[in-house]
Each structure stands twice: as C-alpha cells, then as structure tokens.
C-alpha cells in the first residue's frame, strides 16, 4: 500500500495506483470516489481560534496568510484557512478587511509583510491568527523587532502546533491538527484495504476521514490592553 502525504495533481494521484491499488491520501482528498483519505477540519480549527480570541475580549482580529492556496488536486484555490477566518468574523459582525495581511506561508515573507504594515503606522489589530506555524514565527520576528510585546501589545495564535510552538518565547497558543493521529488513521485505513492470505479485504468502499483539531493554550494570548 501507499500513504501519499500532501497534495497531488490528478494524474499523479492516479499514477500512484501503478505502485499499489491501495492508496491513502493524507492531508488531501483528490478523488473521494476512488481513494481513502485523512484530512483535518480546517474550518473547525479556525472557529476554535476565533472563539478563543473573542472570549478573551478581542474584537479587532487580523489574519496572516496568503489569499490563494492549493486545492486537493494541487490546483490554485482560495486559501481555506483565510476563507474560514473571514466567514467566522462575518458571522460575529466583526470582519474588517483592513486587518488582513497577505503573505506567503513562510517566516521571512510574513516578517517582511507585517513589518511593512507596522512601519507604515497603520493601527494594528489586538490579535492575529496565523495560517501556519511558519507564518506565526515570521509574525513573532516582526512584532518583537518593532519593539512590541506578545501578548501584552498583540496576541498571536498559530496553526499546526509542531514542537516549535512550545519552544518560541512566548510559547504559542496553536491549533493542533493532530498529525500523529492522522498518520495512525491513514495506516488503519490502508490495513482495511489490504488483502492477505486467509483474510478477506475488510472494506472496499473508499472512506474520507475528517480529524477534528483542538486548540492548545499557551502564553501568546491575553486580553487586549483596553480590557485590562
């Protein structure tokens, strides 16, 4: 069997079946009618982060990340976390497009984009939600480099929760998509499709498993200064 991690164009996804008829996609679902897949619930993760910030008293919440990302077949598509953030803020009647900071999902680009926003003297949100951990690390660089403090001046929530989130100062509150559990689930799905001597295939119908994320609370979020 094959566990394919990431996003693949349609032809590449189909070509994996030449290696094995049993293919499970991890973090994408290019064809639900043919392949098993395990994906995170990005929209739920964003909702958990937004609700946490609102519960702490934040109303001016910004987002750091790209406008366009990749779809399940590696095609250009609206970045799912950004779209979910906009939807959540609109649901609460708090969406402000001026608080969106466009940046690729890497630390250097994010630090540059946010640094320019700070240097321009534009009023910052009281909290940022970053599309990825790389994006969050770039935000830390820009915020601290400008002489501001996290979370006293600006709160920050990361996404993905790799071990780096706990090692940054301050340690980052982050949305965990439970990568280890996603990996275990992919292997379980694969095992159900493998035919062994004396054991029939447990399942023939493809399955898409959506793993719910959770919010890991650390030190990078506090009530906005005006609420203290």
Protein backbone atom coordinates (compact mmCIF):
# COMPACT_ATOMS: atom_id res chain seq x y z
CA UNK A 1 0.00 0.00 0.00
CA UNK A 2 0.89 3.68 -0.31
CA UNK A 3 0.31 6.57 2.11
CA UNK A 4 0.60 9.72 -0.01
CA UNK A 5 1.32 12.82 2.10
CA UNK A 6 0.38 16.20 0.69
CA UNK A 7 -1.36 17.35 -2.48
CA UNK A 8 -1.03 15.79 -5.92
CA UNK A 9 -2.29 16.76 -9.39
CA UNK A 10 -4.99 14.40 -10.64
CA UNK A 11 -2.67 12.47 -12.98
CA UNK A 12 -0.03 11.99 -10.26
CA UNK A 13 -2.67 10.77 -7.82
CA UNK A 14 -3.94 8.22 -10.32
CA UNK A 15 -0.40 7.10 -11.21
CA UNK A 16 0.22 6.04 -7.61
CA UNK A 17 -2.11 3.11 -8.24
CA UNK A 18 0.57 1.64 -10.52
CA UNK A 19 2.62 1.09 -7.36
CA UNK A 20 -0.30 -0.37 -5.42
CA UNK A 21 -4.10 -0.48 -5.75
CA UNK A 22 -4.28 0.55 -2.08
CA UNK A 23 -3.61 4.28 -1.71
CA UNK A 24 -4.49 6.57 1.22
CA UNK A 25 -4.05 10.33 0.90
CA UNK A 26 -3.01 12.27 3.99
CA UNK A 27 -3.92 15.98 4.17
CA UNK A 28 -5.76 15.95 0.82
CA UNK A 29 -8.64 14.14 -0.84
CA UNK A 30 -8.15 14.27 -4.63
CA UNK A 31 -10.90 11.78 -5.51
CA UNK A 32 -13.30 10.57 -2.82
CA UNK A 33 -14.86 8.05 -5.20
CA UNK A 34 -11.57 6.13 -5.63
CA UNK A 35 -9.22 6.77 -2.72
CA UNK A 36 -9.24 6.70 1.06
CA UNK A 37 -8.15 9.97 2.65
CA UNK A 38 -7.50 11.58 6.04
CA UNK A 39 -7.87 15.35 6.27
CA UNK A 40 -8.03 17.93 9.07
CA UNK A 41 -11.11 20.06 9.66
CA UNK A 42 -9.54 23.45 8.95
CA UNK A 43 -12.80 25.38 9.36
CA UNK A 44 -13.32 23.97 12.87
CA UNK A 45 -9.75 24.87 13.82
CA UNK A 46 -10.27 28.46 12.72
CA UNK A 47 -13.55 28.64 14.61
CA UNK A 48 -11.91 27.42 17.81
CA UNK A 49 -9.16 30.05 17.48
CA UNK A 50 -11.56 32.90 16.70
CA UNK A 51 -13.90 31.98 19.55
CA UNK A 52 -10.98 31.86 21.96
CA UNK A 53 -9.83 35.34 20.94
CA UNK A 54 -13.35 36.76 21.15
CA UNK A 55 -13.80 35.14 24.54
CA UNK A 56 -10.67 36.95 25.72
CA UNK A 57 -12.22 40.26 24.69
CA UNK A 58 -10.62 40.81 21.29
CA UNK A 59 -12.75 42.47 18.62
CA UNK A 60 -10.10 43.71 16.17
CA UNK A 61 -8.66 40.40 14.99
CA UNK A 62 -6.38 40.11 11.95
CA UNK A 63 -5.28 37.22 9.77
CA UNK A 64 -1.80 36.50 8.39
CA UNK A 65 -1.54 34.31 5.31
CA UNK A 66 -1.97 34.05 1.55
CA UNK A 67 -5.11 34.77 -0.44
CA UNK A 68 -4.59 31.76 -2.73
CA UNK A 69 -3.52 28.29 -1.63
CA UNK A 70 -3.72 24.82 -3.14
CA UNK A 71 -6.79 22.65 -3.54
CA UNK A 72 -6.96 18.88 -3.10
CA UNK A 73 -5.60 18.33 -6.61
CA UNK A 74 -2.84 20.92 -6.18
CA UNK A 75 -4.79 23.45 -8.23
CA UNK A 76 -4.85 27.14 -7.21
CA UNK A 77 -7.77 27.71 -4.84
CA UNK A 78 -8.84 30.22 -2.18
CA UNK A 79 -6.74 29.60 0.93
CA UNK A 80 -9.10 27.57 3.11
CA UNK A 81 -7.98 28.97 6.48
CA UNK A 82 -8.27 32.58 5.31
CA UNK A 83 -11.74 31.92 3.86
CA UNK A 84 -12.84 30.25 7.10
CA UNK A 85 -11.50 33.19 9.14
CA UNK A 86 -13.41 35.70 7.03
CA UNK A 87 -16.61 33.65 7.37
CA UNK A 88 -16.23 33.41 11.15
CA UNK A 89 -15.59 37.13 11.61
CA UNK A 90 -18.57 37.96 9.38
CA UNK A 91 -20.74 35.63 11.45
CA UNK A 92 -19.84 37.70 14.51
CA UNK A 93 -20.27 41.00 12.69
CA UNK A 94 -16.60 41.86 13.25
CA UNK A 95 -14.95 41.39 9.86
CA UNK A 96 -12.59 44.21 8.88
CA UNK A 97 -10.74 43.63 5.56
CA UNK A 98 -8.06 46.14 6.55
CA UNK A 99 -6.88 43.66 9.21
CA UNK A 100 -5.95 41.01 6.64
CA UNK A 101 -2.20 40.83 5.98
CA UNK A 102 -1.34 38.95 2.80
CA UNK A 103 1.86 36.92 2.96
CA UNK A 104 3.13 33.57 1.67
CA UNK A 105 3.30 30.85 4.31
CA UNK A 106 6.95 31.26 5.20
CA UNK A 107 8.54 33.15 8.07
CA UNK A 108 10.68 35.58 6.06
CA UNK A 109 7.86 36.77 3.80
CA UNK A 110 5.48 37.17 6.72
CA UNK A 111 8.04 39.11 8.76
CA UNK A 112 8.55 41.46 5.80
CA UNK A 113 4.82 41.97 5.10
CA UNK A 114 3.88 42.55 8.72
CA UNK A 115 6.98 44.68 9.32
CA UNK A 116 5.93 46.99 6.49
CA UNK A 117 2.42 47.23 7.95
CA UNK A 118 3.84 48.18 11.35
CA UNK A 119 6.34 50.67 9.87
CA UNK A 120 3.52 52.41 7.97
CA UNK A 121 1.95 53.34 11.28
CA UNK A 122 -1.31 51.57 10.45
CA UNK A 123 -3.37 50.71 13.51
CA UNK A 124 -2.79 47.06 14.29
CA UNK A 125 -5.38 44.56 15.45
CA UNK A 126 -5.19 43.48 19.06
CA UNK A 127 -4.69 39.87 17.91
CA UNK A 128 -3.52 37.95 14.86
CA UNK A 129 -4.39 34.45 13.70
CA UNK A 130 -1.62 32.97 11.53
CA UNK A 131 -2.31 30.50 8.71
CA UNK A 132 0.64 28.28 9.66
CA UNK A 133 3.41 27.96 12.18
CA UNK A 134 5.94 29.38 9.70
CA UNK A 135 3.66 32.39 9.33
CA UNK A 136 3.40 32.75 13.10
CA UNK A 137 7.19 32.64 13.51
CA UNK A 138 7.52 35.43 10.95
CA UNK A 139 4.93 37.43 12.88
CA UNK A 140 6.91 36.99 16.10
CA UNK A 141 10.00 38.32 14.34
CA UNK A 142 8.18 41.39 13.02
CA UNK A 143 6.30 42.20 16.22
CA UNK A 144 9.28 41.83 18.54
CA UNK A 145 11.54 43.60 16.03
CA UNK A 146 9.22 46.60 16.17
CA UNK A 147 9.58 46.81 19.94
CA UNK A 148 6.13 45.40 20.65
CA UNK A 149 5.33 42.63 23.09
CA UNK A 150 3.43 39.37 22.71
CA UNK A 151 0.78 39.10 24.16
CA UNK A 152 0.77 42.44 26.00
CA UNK A 153 0.53 44.53 22.82
CA UNK A 154 -0.55 41.93 20.24
CA UNK A 155 -1.87 38.42 20.86
CA UNK A 156 -1.00 35.67 18.40
CA UNK A 157 -2.40 32.22 17.57
CA UNK A 158 -0.52 29.78 15.36
CA UNK A 159 -1.81 26.89 13.26
CA UNK A 160 -0.44 23.30 13.10
CA UNK A 161 1.18 23.09 16.57
CA UNK A 162 4.53 21.49 15.76
CA UNK A 163 7.06 21.21 18.62
CA UNK A 164 8.39 24.66 17.71
CA UNK A 165 5.21 26.25 19.05
CA UNK A 166 6.21 25.35 22.60
CA UNK A 167 9.85 26.45 22.14
CA UNK A 168 9.22 30.03 20.97
CA UNK A 169 9.17 32.82 23.55
CA UNK A 170 6.40 33.29 24.42
CA UNK A 171 5.15 29.77 23.74
CA UNK A 172 2.47 29.95 21.05
CA UNK A 173 -1.17 29.12 21.51
CA UNK A 174 -1.81 26.96 18.46
CA UNK A 175 -4.42 24.93 16.61
CA UNK A 176 -3.32 21.30 16.64
CA UNK A 177 -4.45 19.21 13.67
CA UNK A 178 -3.18 16.07 15.46
CA UNK A 179 -0.65 14.97 12.85
CA UNK A 180 0.26 11.76 14.70
CA UNK A 181 -3.37 10.66 14.94
CA UNK A 182 -3.87 11.48 11.26
CA UNK A 183 -0.92 9.25 10.43
CA UNK A 184 -2.25 6.39 12.56
CA UNK A 185 -5.67 6.75 10.96
CA UNK A 186 -4.15 6.59 7.46
CA UNK A 187 -2.37 3.34 8.31
CA UNK A 188 -5.57 1.87 9.76
CA UNK A 189 -7.50 2.73 6.60
CA UNK A 190 -4.74 1.18 4.50
CA UNK A 191 -4.78 -2.03 6.54
CA UNK A 192 -8.52 -2.39 5.94
CA UNK A 193 -7.95 -2.45 2.17
CA UNK A 194 -5.01 -4.87 2.04
CA UNK A 195 -5.79 -8.45 1.10
CA UNK A 196 -3.72 -11.04 2.96
CA UNK A 197 -3.67 -14.85 2.64
CA UNK A 198 -6.59 -16.25 4.55
CA UNK A 199 -8.04 -12.83 5.33
CA UNK A 200 -10.59 -11.10 3.09
CA UNK A 201 -10.49 -7.37 2.47
CA UNK A 202 -12.30 -5.67 5.35
CA UNK A 203 -13.68 -2.83 3.24
CA UNK A 204 -14.00 -1.99 -0.43
CA UNK A 205 -15.80 1.35 -0.29
CA UNK A 206 -13.41 4.36 -0.07
CA UNK A 207 -13.60 6.40 3.13
CA UNK A 208 -12.79 10.05 3.85
CA UNK A 209 -11.89 10.60 7.50
CA UNK A 210 -12.03 14.17 8.84
CA UNK A 211 -10.00 14.66 12.04
CA UNK A 212 -11.21 17.43 14.38
CA UNK A 213 -8.47 19.80 15.59
CA UNK A 214 -8.12 21.26 19.06
CA UNK A 215 -6.71 24.48 20.49
CA UNK A 216 -3.59 24.17 22.63
CA UNK A 217 -3.47 27.09 25.07
CA UNK A 218 -0.06 28.58 25.86
CA UNK A 219 1.29 32.06 26.56
CA UNK A 220 0.79 34.11 23.39
CA UNK A 221 -2.79 35.24 24.01
CA UNK A 222 -4.04 37.69 26.64
CA UNK A 223 -6.97 40.11 26.89
CA UNK A 224 -6.44 43.27 24.83
CA UNK A 225 -4.81 46.13 26.73
CA UNK A 226 -8.02 48.18 26.90
CA UNK A 227 -9.70 45.30 28.77
CA UNK A 228 -7.02 45.03 31.44
